[in-house]
């Protein structure tokens, strides 16, 4: 009788172990999200505004007449929004680039800020000039960039690390193989880098590529780390 009871107990135990093993086997595998990461860095970030304009009629004539190019400055008209134009001053530098040759740039100087406001575009015309003898000329559209200021020692992350969620703009901090959602307050965007005003600390590791696929507590597989953001930049754009 005792032998029968022992056999029954062993059989019941084996069945229980088998059932537990089956339950474990039936559980879905933990989904891992592939991400790249980067560190939150502290840097100086230029506040830049840009406008698209054209050479003045005199500038076009100079560009088309080589005998005049070497003797006179080359002038550009740039329509900046009123709130930007009122922050500019004669003598301030403007970086110029041509749409026909975007890799070639030049530094011009603001000569004049015309006070008349264009009521249809709410812009004011800024006249910038390159000194005579300069090799950079364009008779097509020109982009002009001006620096209004520099945010010193601000935190930045790659632009793609910031995603929109019901809670607002969030970044995913990576701790081990787990992602944690962090609400952040963003500032200006410059050259693919987003300024972070609050919510993160310098040196924290965040998800970059793949961040849009994450949620709180998601498990991640870290691939190659994203390139670190530059830690400083010049005041000029």
Protein backbone atom coordinates (compact mmCIF):
# COMPACT_ATOMS: atom_id res chain seq x y z
CA UNK A 1 0.00 0.00 0.00
CA UNK A 2 2.80 2.38 0.93
CA UNK A 3 4.52 1.55 -2.34
CA UNK A 4 1.38 2.46 -4.29
CA UNK A 5 1.06 5.80 -2.44
CA UNK A 6 4.69 6.63 -3.17
CA UNK A 7 4.21 5.88 -6.84
CA UNK A 8 1.09 8.05 -6.94
CA UNK A 9 2.95 10.93 -5.29
CA UNK A 10 5.86 10.61 -7.68
CA UNK A 11 3.48 10.54 -10.63
CA UNK A 12 1.64 13.64 -9.40
CA UNK A 13 4.95 15.47 -8.83
CA UNK A 14 6.19 14.58 -12.29
CA UNK A 15 2.94 15.80 -13.84
CA UNK A 16 3.25 19.10 -11.97
CA UNK A 17 6.83 19.59 -13.09
CA UNK A 18 5.87 18.79 -16.66
CA UNK A 19 2.96 21.27 -16.56
CA UNK A 20 5.21 24.01 -15.17
CA UNK A 21 7.81 23.34 -17.83
CA UNK A 22 5.14 23.54 -20.51
CA UNK A 23 3.87 26.86 -19.16
CA UNK A 24 7.40 28.28 -19.24
CA UNK A 25 7.88 27.01 -22.77
CA UNK A 26 4.57 28.53 -23.86
CA UNK A 27 5.51 31.98 -22.54
CA UNK A 28 6.32 34.40 -25.40
CA UNK A 29 9.99 35.30 -25.69
CA UNK A 30 10.92 38.75 -24.34
CA UNK A 31 11.00 41.16 -27.28
CA UNK A 32 14.31 42.97 -27.59
CA UNK A 33 14.48 46.27 -29.44
CA UNK A 34 17.70 47.04 -31.29
CA UNK A 35 18.97 50.53 -30.47
CA UNK A 36 22.05 52.66 -30.78
CA UNK A 37 23.01 54.90 -27.89
CA UNK A 38 24.73 58.17 -27.19
CA UNK A 39 25.72 60.13 -24.12
CA UNK A 40 24.09 63.39 -23.09
CA UNK A 41 26.80 66.03 -23.50
CA UNK A 42 27.30 69.62 -22.39
CA UNK A 43 28.31 72.08 -25.09
CA UNK A 44 27.98 75.62 -26.45
CA UNK A 45 25.15 76.00 -28.95
CA UNK A 46 24.81 78.95 -31.33
CA UNK A 47 21.41 80.61 -31.77
CA UNK A 48 21.24 80.99 -35.55
CA UNK A 49 18.65 82.56 -37.85
CA UNK A 50 18.72 82.38 -41.64
CA UNK A 51 17.11 84.08 -44.62
CA UNK A 52 17.08 83.41 -48.36
CA UNK A 53 17.79 86.32 -50.66
CA UNK A 54 19.49 87.33 -53.88
CA UNK A 55 22.29 89.51 -55.12
CA UNK A 56 21.35 93.15 -55.61
CA UNK A 57 21.10 94.43 -59.19
CA UNK A 58 24.57 95.89 -58.73
CA UNK A 59 25.79 92.55 -57.42
CA UNK A 60 24.40 90.72 -60.47
CA UNK A 61 26.08 93.21 -62.77
CA UNK A 62 29.35 92.71 -60.94
CA UNK A 63 29.09 88.93 -61.12
CA UNK A 64 28.47 89.07 -64.88
CA UNK A 65 31.17 91.66 -65.56
CA UNK A 66 34.63 90.42 -64.49
CA UNK A 67 36.14 93.86 -64.93
CA UNK A 68 33.91 95.18 -62.11
CA UNK A 69 34.17 92.20 -59.76
CA UNK A 70 37.64 93.01 -58.56
CA UNK A 71 36.99 96.66 -57.85
CA UNK A 72 33.75 96.72 -55.90
CA UNK A 73 32.10 94.84 -53.06
CA UNK A 74 29.47 92.22 -53.90
CA UNK A 75 26.11 92.98 -52.25
CA UNK A 76 23.28 90.66 -51.22
CA UNK A 77 19.66 91.40 -50.17
CA UNK A 78 18.43 89.21 -47.29
CA UNK A 79 14.82 89.55 -46.01
CA UNK A 80 14.93 88.68 -42.30
CA UNK A 81 11.83 88.51 -40.07
CA UNK A 82 11.27 91.78 -38.26
CA UNK A 83 12.09 90.37 -34.79
CA UNK A 84 15.42 89.08 -36.14
CA UNK A 85 16.34 92.15 -38.17
CA UNK A 86 15.88 94.40 -35.14
CA UNK A 87 18.56 92.39 -33.31
CA UNK A 88 21.12 92.86 -36.09
CA UNK A 89 23.65 95.68 -36.42
CA UNK A 90 25.81 97.03 -39.26
CA UNK A 91 29.22 95.38 -39.19
CA UNK A 92 27.84 92.02 -37.99
CA UNK A 93 29.00 88.94 -39.89
CA UNK A 94 26.72 86.92 -42.17
CA UNK A 95 27.68 83.50 -43.53
CA UNK A 96 26.61 83.13 -47.14
CA UNK A 97 26.03 79.94 -49.11
CA UNK A 98 24.73 79.44 -52.63
CA UNK A 99 22.06 76.89 -53.53
CA UNK A 100 23.94 76.19 -56.76
CA UNK A 101 27.13 75.35 -54.81
CA UNK A 102 26.14 74.73 -51.14
CA UNK A 103 29.59 73.51 -50.16
CA UNK A 104 31.15 76.90 -50.89
CA UNK A 105 30.59 79.59 -48.24
CA UNK A 106 31.78 83.11 -47.53
CA UNK A 107 31.59 85.57 -44.65
CA UNK A 108 29.97 88.87 -45.52
CA UNK A 109 29.32 91.97 -43.40
CA UNK A 110 26.01 93.73 -42.81
CA UNK A 111 26.17 97.19 -44.41
CA UNK A 112 22.62 98.38 -43.96
CA UNK A 113 19.31 97.39 -42.33
CA UNK A 114 16.48 99.08 -44.16
CA UNK A 115 13.77 100.23 -41.71
CA UNK A 116 10.82 99.70 -44.05
CA UNK A 117 8.72 96.66 -43.15
CA UNK A 118 7.28 94.49 -45.91
CA UNK A 119 3.66 94.19 -44.76
CA UNK A 120 3.01 91.05 -46.81
CA UNK A 121 5.95 89.03 -45.42
CA UNK A 122 6.67 90.91 -42.16
CA UNK A 123 10.34 91.10 -43.11
CA UNK A 124 12.98 93.83 -43.23
CA UNK A 125 15.67 93.96 -45.89
CA UNK A 126 19.26 93.51 -44.73
CA UNK A 127 22.06 94.42 -47.14
CA UNK A 128 25.26 92.42 -46.71
CA UNK A 129 28.46 92.83 -48.68
CA UNK A 130 31.62 90.92 -49.55
CA UNK A 131 34.78 93.00 -50.01
CA UNK A 132 36.03 93.65 -53.52
CA UNK A 133 38.26 90.99 -55.01
CA UNK A 134 36.47 88.11 -53.30
CA UNK A 135 36.03 84.98 -55.43
CA UNK A 136 32.57 84.03 -54.06
CA UNK A 137 29.71 85.30 -56.23
CA UNK A 138 26.19 84.09 -56.97
CA UNK A 139 23.46 85.46 -59.21
CA UNK A 140 20.91 82.91 -57.89
CA UNK A 141 19.30 82.43 -54.49
CA UNK A 142 21.59 82.87 -51.50
CA UNK A 143 21.19 81.74 -47.91
CA UNK A 144 22.47 84.05 -45.20
CA UNK A 145 22.97 82.93 -41.59
CA UNK A 146 23.49 85.20 -38.60
CA UNK A 147 24.35 84.34 -35.01
CA UNK A 148 22.10 86.03 -32.44
CA UNK A 149 23.80 84.54 -29.39
CA UNK A 150 25.33 81.45 -27.84
CA UNK A 151 23.86 79.16 -25.17
CA UNK A 152 26.89 78.31 -23.03
CA UNK A 153 27.26 74.91 -21.38
CA UNK A 154 23.85 73.60 -22.43
CA UNK A 155 22.90 69.92 -22.65
CA UNK A 156 22.34 68.43 -26.12
CA UNK A 157 21.28 65.08 -27.57
CA UNK A 158 20.90 63.85 -31.15
CA UNK A 159 17.65 65.11 -32.65
CA UNK A 160 16.39 61.55 -33.32
CA UNK A 161 16.66 60.68 -29.62
CA UNK A 162 13.67 62.92 -28.83
CA UNK A 163 10.28 61.37 -29.59
CA UNK A 164 6.71 62.57 -29.05
CA UNK A 165 4.49 60.70 -26.61
CA UNK A 166 1.18 61.57 -24.89
CA UNK A 167 3.25 62.96 -22.01
CA UNK A 168 5.11 65.27 -24.39
CA UNK A 169 8.69 65.17 -25.65
CA UNK A 170 10.52 62.20 -24.15
CA UNK A 171 13.95 60.59 -24.25
CA UNK A 172 14.67 56.99 -23.28
CA UNK A 173 17.44 56.54 -20.73
CA UNK A 174 19.22 53.20 -21.03
CA UNK A 175 20.15 51.35 -17.85
CA UNK A 176 21.63 47.93 -18.55
CA UNK A 177 19.24 46.31 -21.02
CA UNK A 178 16.20 48.38 -19.97
CA UNK A 179 14.78 51.63 -21.36
CA UNK A 180 13.22 54.20 -19.04
CA UNK A 181 10.99 56.98 -20.40
CA UNK A 182 12.06 60.47 -19.37
CA UNK A 183 10.00 63.58 -20.12
CA UNK A 184 12.23 66.46 -21.24
CA UNK A 185 11.90 70.14 -22.04
CA UNK A 186 13.57 71.01 -25.32
CA UNK A 187 15.19 74.20 -26.56
CA UNK A 188 16.68 75.07 -29.93
CA UNK A 189 17.63 72.65 -32.70
CA UNK A 190 21.01 73.15 -34.35
CA UNK A 191 22.74 70.91 -36.91
CA UNK A 192 20.87 67.78 -35.82
CA UNK A 193 21.38 68.42 -32.11
CA UNK A 194 18.49 69.19 -29.78
CA UNK A 195 18.99 71.37 -26.73
CA UNK A 196 17.65 69.85 -23.49
CA UNK A 197 16.58 72.43 -20.90
CA UNK A 198 15.44 69.96 -18.22
CA UNK A 199 14.94 66.24 -17.59
CA UNK A 200 18.43 64.86 -18.22
CA UNK A 201 21.94 65.02 -16.77
CA UNK A 202 25.26 65.20 -18.57
CA UNK A 203 26.76 61.75 -19.17
CA UNK A 204 23.51 59.78 -19.09
CA UNK A 205 23.13 57.13 -21.80
CA UNK A 206 20.13 57.49 -24.09
CA UNK A 207 18.65 55.61 -27.05
CA UNK A 208 19.05 57.21 -30.47
CA UNK A 209 18.21 54.96 -33.42
CA UNK A 210 15.21 52.87 -32.42
CA UNK A 211 14.03 55.32 -29.76
CA UNK A 212 10.66 55.65 -31.49
CA UNK A 213 10.00 51.92 -30.95
CA UNK A 214 10.51 52.03 -27.18
CA UNK A 215 8.20 52.30 -24.21
CA UNK A 216 8.77 52.38 -20.45
CA UNK A 217 10.56 49.23 -19.30
CA UNK A 218 11.27 47.93 -22.81
CA UNK A 219 14.20 45.55 -23.15
CA UNK A 220 16.90 46.68 -25.55
CA UNK A 221 19.82 45.19 -27.42
CA UNK A 222 22.52 47.81 -27.83
CA UNK A 223 24.07 47.76 -31.27
CA UNK A 224 26.85 50.15 -32.19
CA UNK A 225 26.83 53.33 -30.12
CA UNK A 226 25.83 56.47 -32.01
CA UNK A 227 28.62 59.01 -32.62
CA UNK A 228 29.07 61.37 -29.69
CA UNK A 229 27.85 64.93 -30.20
CA UNK A 230 30.48 67.63 -30.54
CA UNK A 231 31.24 69.19 -27.17
CA UNK A 232 31.73 72.73 -28.41
CA UNK A 233 31.24 74.98 -31.41
CA UNK A 234 32.38 78.37 -32.49
CA UNK A 235 30.20 81.38 -31.97
CA UNK A 236 29.99 81.89 -35.73
CA UNK A 237 27.77 79.43 -37.65
